[in-house]
Amino acid sequence: MNTPGPVRGFRYYDLLVGGMVAVLLCSNLIGPAKVCTFTLPVLGALTFGAGNLFFPISYIFDDVLTEVYGYARARRAIWAGFGGLAFASMMTFAILGMPPSPDEPFNKELQPALEVVFGASWRIMLASMFAYWIGDFANSWVMAKMKLWTRGRWLWTRTIGSTIVGEGLDSITFYPIAFAGIWSGQTMLKVIAFNWTMKVLVEIVLTPVTYAVVGFLKRREGVDIYDEHTHFTPFSLRDEGEQHAPRA
């Protein structure tokens, strides 16, 4: 029988949170600046924002955190990511808004380059943070609930199912906020559908990696959380302390 135990430290939790925040910041700040095109057999040319290739990795971190450590601890990681995005956005606007020194010749090249790469509009910054918050919490909620419904079986159904919901909400939140009135409705629907499909495919392709990481962490940490008594509100940083030994 699994019973809650006292709260204790974990070996890898902090490292996973740090990795999740790093991937999130890089995919949101660096990735959107570049559009890539790959030509594939049968499918032909595929064009997409570079960030879309790496952003799903943050959802894999979210899946692993929820599966191993539970919703409450994944919730703390999501808020850490949100705080990192908010700070990076404020820092970006502040640095770009500072007057460059006329005494430094390199500023004539650097300032325009920074504005091109990091000068996203306030709408895009807001859309990115809002979409991430909704999508990641939805992903973690579905992951934790499905674990209870499936009694811990069929991990792949949880990782893929939660990504379908989370990435779907992320996409239908981000693009209307960022580009409504700029893009046509047809273009927006096409971009949403393509990016959502691509992100889910990344999750599917990396499913074996998720299995390996989850198995390793459960063995090394000696826990397997079932959120039977967790409060699923996103508006909390409380570590509710549920800890169970891995089920046989």
Protein backbone atom coordinates (compact mmCIF):
# COMPACT_ATOMS: atom_id res chain seq x y z
CA MET A 1 0.00 0.00 0.00
CA ASN A 2 1.30 3.47 -0.90
CA THR A 3 1.16 6.05 1.84
CA PRO A 4 2.37 9.65 1.84
CA GLY A 5 5.74 10.07 3.47
CA PRO A 6 7.66 13.03 4.84
CA VAL A 7 9.00 15.60 2.42
CA ARG A 8 12.64 15.03 1.54
CA GLY A 9 15.14 16.27 -0.98
CA PHE A 10 15.63 14.78 -4.43
CA ARG A 11 18.82 14.21 -6.36
CA TYR A 12 17.70 15.36 -9.78
CA TYR A 13 14.62 17.56 -9.34
CA ASP A 14 16.51 20.88 -9.29
CA LEU A 15 18.54 19.89 -12.35
CA LEU A 16 15.38 19.08 -14.28
CA VAL A 17 13.81 22.41 -13.34
CA GLY A 18 16.94 24.22 -14.48
CA GLY A 19 16.97 22.31 -17.75
CA MET A 20 13.31 23.03 -18.39
CA VAL A 21 13.77 26.78 -17.81
CA ALA A 22 16.88 26.86 -20.02
CA VAL A 23 15.12 25.13 -22.93
CA LEU A 24 12.09 27.38 -22.53
CA LEU A 25 14.14 30.59 -22.57
CA CYS A 26 16.27 29.52 -25.54
CA SER A 27 13.32 28.35 -27.65
CA ASN A 28 11.39 31.56 -26.96
CA LEU A 29 14.21 34.10 -27.23
CA ILE A 30 16.54 32.57 -29.82
CA GLY A 31 14.32 30.20 -31.81
CA PRO A 32 11.70 32.65 -33.17
CA ALA A 33 14.39 34.78 -34.81
CA LYS A 34 15.06 32.22 -37.53
CA VAL A 35 12.79 30.54 -40.07
CA CYS A 36 14.08 27.25 -41.46
CA THR A 37 13.20 25.22 -44.54
CA PHE A 38 13.88 21.51 -44.94
CA THR A 39 13.10 19.50 -48.05
CA LEU A 40 11.88 16.00 -47.23
CA PRO A 41 11.04 13.06 -49.48
CA VAL A 42 7.35 12.95 -50.46
CA LEU A 43 6.44 15.86 -48.18
CA GLY A 44 8.58 18.39 -50.04
CA ALA A 45 9.67 21.69 -48.51
CA LEU A 46 8.70 22.32 -44.87
CA THR A 47 9.10 25.81 -43.45
CA PHE A 48 8.87 26.52 -39.72
CA GLY A 49 10.25 28.68 -36.94
CA ALA A 50 13.39 27.16 -35.44
CA GLY A 51 11.98 27.47 -31.94
CA ASN A 52 9.21 25.02 -32.77
CA LEU A 53 11.80 22.27 -33.08
CA PHE A 54 13.03 22.72 -29.50
CA PHE A 55 10.04 24.12 -27.60
CA PRO A 56 8.41 20.65 -27.29
CA ILE A 57 11.42 19.55 -25.24
CA SER A 58 10.12 21.79 -22.44
CA TYR A 59 6.92 19.72 -22.51
CA ILE A 60 8.98 16.55 -22.19
CA PHE A 61 10.58 18.04 -19.08
CA ASP A 62 7.06 18.81 -17.82
CA ASP A 63 5.96 15.22 -18.54
CA VAL A 64 8.94 13.78 -16.67
CA LEU A 65 8.51 16.11 -13.69
CA THR A 66 4.80 15.32 -13.39
CA GLU A 67 5.21 11.58 -13.86
CA VAL A 68 8.07 11.18 -11.38
CA TYR A 69 7.60 13.97 -8.84
CA GLY A 70 3.88 14.73 -9.14
CA TYR A 71 1.73 17.68 -10.19
CA ALA A 72 2.58 19.89 -7.19
CA ARG A 73 6.32 19.82 -7.92
CA ALA A 74 5.76 20.20 -11.67
CA ARG A 75 3.63 23.24 -10.82
CA ARG A 76 6.62 24.84 -9.09
CA ALA A 77 8.74 24.20 -12.19
CA ILE A 78 6.11 25.77 -14.46
CA TRP A 79 6.03 28.90 -12.32
CA ALA A 80 9.84 29.00 -12.41
CA GLY A 81 9.68 28.94 -16.20
CA PHE A 82 7.01 31.64 -16.25
CA GLY A 83 9.09 33.82 -13.96
CA GLY A 84 12.14 33.30 -16.16
CA LEU A 85 10.19 34.31 -19.27
CA ALA A 86 8.77 37.40 -17.56
CA PHE A 87 12.20 38.52 -16.34
CA ALA A 88 13.82 37.85 -19.73
CA SER A 89 11.09 39.89 -21.45
CA MET A 90 11.50 42.85 -19.09
CA MET A 91 15.27 42.67 -19.39
CA THR A 92 15.03 42.60 -23.19
CA PHE A 93 12.82 45.69 -23.36
CA ALA A 94 15.01 47.51 -20.84
CA ILE A 95 18.31 46.78 -22.61
CA LEU A 96 16.96 47.55 -26.08
CA GLY A 97 15.49 50.80 -24.79
CA MET A 98 18.73 52.05 -23.27
CA PRO A 99 20.47 54.65 -25.48
CA PRO A 100 23.63 53.16 -27.00
CA SER A 101 26.84 55.06 -26.32
CA PRO A 102 27.94 57.09 -29.36
CA ASP A 103 31.54 56.69 -28.19
CA GLU A 104 31.50 52.95 -28.98
CA PRO A 105 31.59 52.41 -32.78
CA PHE A 106 30.48 48.78 -32.49
CA ASN A 107 27.11 49.94 -31.15
CA LYS A 108 26.19 51.10 -34.65
CA GLU A 109 26.20 47.45 -35.73
CA LEU A 110 25.16 45.85 -32.47
CA GLN A 111 22.01 47.88 -31.66
CA PRO A 112 20.19 47.17 -34.97
CA ALA A 113 21.18 43.49 -34.73
CA LEU A 114 19.81 43.21 -31.19
CA GLU A 115 16.58 44.88 -32.27
CA VAL A 116 16.16 42.45 -35.15
CA VAL A 117 16.85 39.33 -33.07
CA PHE A 118 15.30 40.27 -29.72
CA GLY A 119 12.99 43.15 -30.55
CA ALA A 120 9.73 41.21 -30.54
CA SER A 121 6.61 43.28 -29.97
CA TRP A 122 4.85 43.40 -26.61
CA ARG A 123 2.04 41.33 -28.17
CA ILE A 124 4.39 38.47 -29.02
CA MET A 125 6.02 38.56 -25.59
CA LEU A 126 2.63 38.57 -23.86
CA ALA A 127 1.29 35.85 -26.13
CA SER A 128 4.34 33.68 -25.48
CA MET A 129 4.05 33.90 -21.69
CA PHE A 130 0.27 33.46 -21.60
CA ALA A 131 0.31 30.51 -24.02
CA TYR A 132 3.14 28.80 -22.14
CA TRP A 133 1.30 29.18 -18.82
CA ILE A 134 -1.96 27.73 -20.15
CA GLY A 135 -0.35 24.98 -22.22
CA ASP A 136 2.08 23.71 -19.61
CA PHE A 137 -0.47 23.62 -16.80
CA ALA A 138 -2.92 21.81 -19.07
CA ASN A 139 -0.19 19.34 -20.03
CA SER A 140 0.70 18.62 -16.41
CA TRP A 141 -2.96 18.37 -15.32
CA VAL A 142 -3.80 15.86 -18.06
CA MET A 143 -0.63 13.90 -17.32
CA ALA A 144 -1.41 13.60 -13.60
CA LYS A 145 -5.11 12.81 -14.09
CA MET A 146 -4.44 10.18 -16.75
CA LYS A 147 -1.93 8.51 -14.44
CA LEU A 148 -4.72 8.05 -11.91
CA TRP A 149 -7.20 6.88 -14.55
CA THR A 150 -4.76 4.35 -16.05
CA ARG A 151 -3.37 3.33 -12.62
CA GLY A 152 0.12 4.12 -13.83
CA ARG A 153 0.00 1.97 -16.95
CA TRP A 154 0.59 2.98 -20.58
CA LEU A 155 2.91 5.91 -20.02
CA TRP A 156 2.91 6.67 -23.75
CA THR A 157 -0.81 7.47 -23.67
CA ARG A 158 -0.17 10.10 -21.00
CA THR A 159 2.85 11.73 -22.61
CA ILE A 160 1.25 11.95 -26.05
CA GLY A 161 -2.27 12.70 -24.82
CA SER A 162 -1.11 15.50 -22.53
CA THR A 163 1.01 16.98 -25.32
CA ILE A 164 -1.93 16.97 -27.73
CA VAL A 165 -3.95 18.98 -25.22
CA GLY A 166 -1.16 21.22 -23.92
CA GLU A 167 0.44 22.07 -27.26
CA GLY A 168 -3.01 22.53 -28.80
CA LEU A 169 -3.97 25.09 -26.16
CA ASP A 170 -0.56 26.73 -26.49
CA SER A 171 -0.96 27.16 -30.25
CA ILE A 172 -4.55 28.40 -30.25
CA THR A 173 -3.62 30.90 -27.52
CA PHE A 174 -0.33 32.22 -28.88
CA TYR A 175 -1.11 32.95 -32.52
CA PRO A 176 -4.42 34.86 -32.10
CA ILE A 177 -2.93 37.07 -29.35
CA ALA A 178 0.29 37.68 -31.30
CA PHE A 179 -1.03 38.03 -34.86
CA ALA A 180 -4.78 38.75 -34.86
CA GLY A 181 -5.40 41.62 -37.27
CA ILE A 182 -2.01 41.03 -38.90
CA TRP A 183 -2.45 37.57 -40.42
CA SER A 184 -5.54 36.42 -42.27
CA GLY A 185 -7.71 33.84 -40.52
CA GLN A 186 -6.82 31.19 -43.09
CA THR A 187 -3.09 31.73 -42.64
CA MET A 188 -3.42 31.58 -38.87
CA LEU A 189 -5.34 28.29 -38.99
CA LYS A 190 -2.72 26.76 -41.28
CA VAL A 191 0.16 27.85 -39.03
CA ILE A 192 -1.62 26.63 -35.89
CA ALA A 193 -2.36 23.23 -37.43
CA PHE A 194 1.15 22.75 -38.78
CA ASN A 195 2.98 23.81 -35.63
CA TRP A 196 0.67 21.79 -33.37
CA THR A 197 1.21 18.70 -35.52
CA MET A 198 4.96 19.19 -35.61
CA LYS A 199 5.22 19.58 -31.83
CA VAL A 200 3.16 16.45 -31.20
CA LEU A 201 5.34 14.51 -33.66
CA VAL A 202 8.45 15.58 -31.76
CA GLU A 203 6.86 14.20 -28.58
CA ILE A 204 6.05 10.91 -30.31
CA VAL A 205 9.55 10.52 -31.76
CA LEU A 206 11.15 11.19 -28.36
CA THR A 207 8.82 8.84 -26.45
CA PRO A 208 11.55 6.17 -26.00
CA VAL A 209 13.80 8.84 -24.46
CA THR A 210 11.00 9.85 -22.08
CA TYR A 211 10.53 6.21 -21.04
CA ALA A 212 14.25 5.82 -20.34
CA VAL A 213 14.52 9.03 -18.31
CA VAL A 214 11.35 8.32 -16.29
CA GLY A 215 12.50 4.80 -15.49
CA PHE A 216 15.95 5.98 -14.44
CA LEU A 217 14.58 8.73 -12.19
CA LYS A 218 12.00 6.52 -10.49
CA ARG A 219 14.68 3.99 -9.66
CA ARG A 220 17.24 6.51 -8.44
CA GLU A 221 14.81 8.75 -6.55
CA GLY A 222 12.79 5.85 -5.13
CA VAL A 223 9.44 7.58 -5.74
CA ASP A 224 6.46 7.28 -8.05
CA ILE A 225 3.87 9.97 -7.33
CA TYR A 226 0.13 9.44 -7.75
CA ASP A 227 -1.69 12.71 -7.17
CA GLU A 228 -4.59 11.19 -5.27
CA HIS A 229 -4.74 13.98 -2.68
CA THR A 230 -3.19 16.85 -4.61
CA HIS A 231 -4.98 20.17 -4.99
CA PHE A 232 -4.87 20.86 -8.73
CA THR A 233 -5.06 24.64 -8.56
CA PRO A 234 -2.28 26.27 -10.58
CA PHE A 235 -2.22 29.22 -8.18
CA SER A 236 0.05 27.71 -5.58
CA LEU A 237 3.72 27.04 -4.96
CA ARG A 238 3.04 24.59 -2.17
CA ASP A 239 4.97 21.34 -2.16
CA GLU A 240 2.18 19.10 -0.90
CA GLY A 241 4.59 16.37 0.09
CA GLU A 242 3.02 13.26 -1.41
CA GLN A 243 5.71 10.63 -1.79
CA HIS A 244 5.18 7.00 -2.69
CA ALA A 245 7.50 4.14 -3.35
CA PRO A 246 7.37 2.90 -6.95
CA ARG A 247 4.53 0.48 -7.56
CA ALA A 248 5.43 -2.98 -8.60
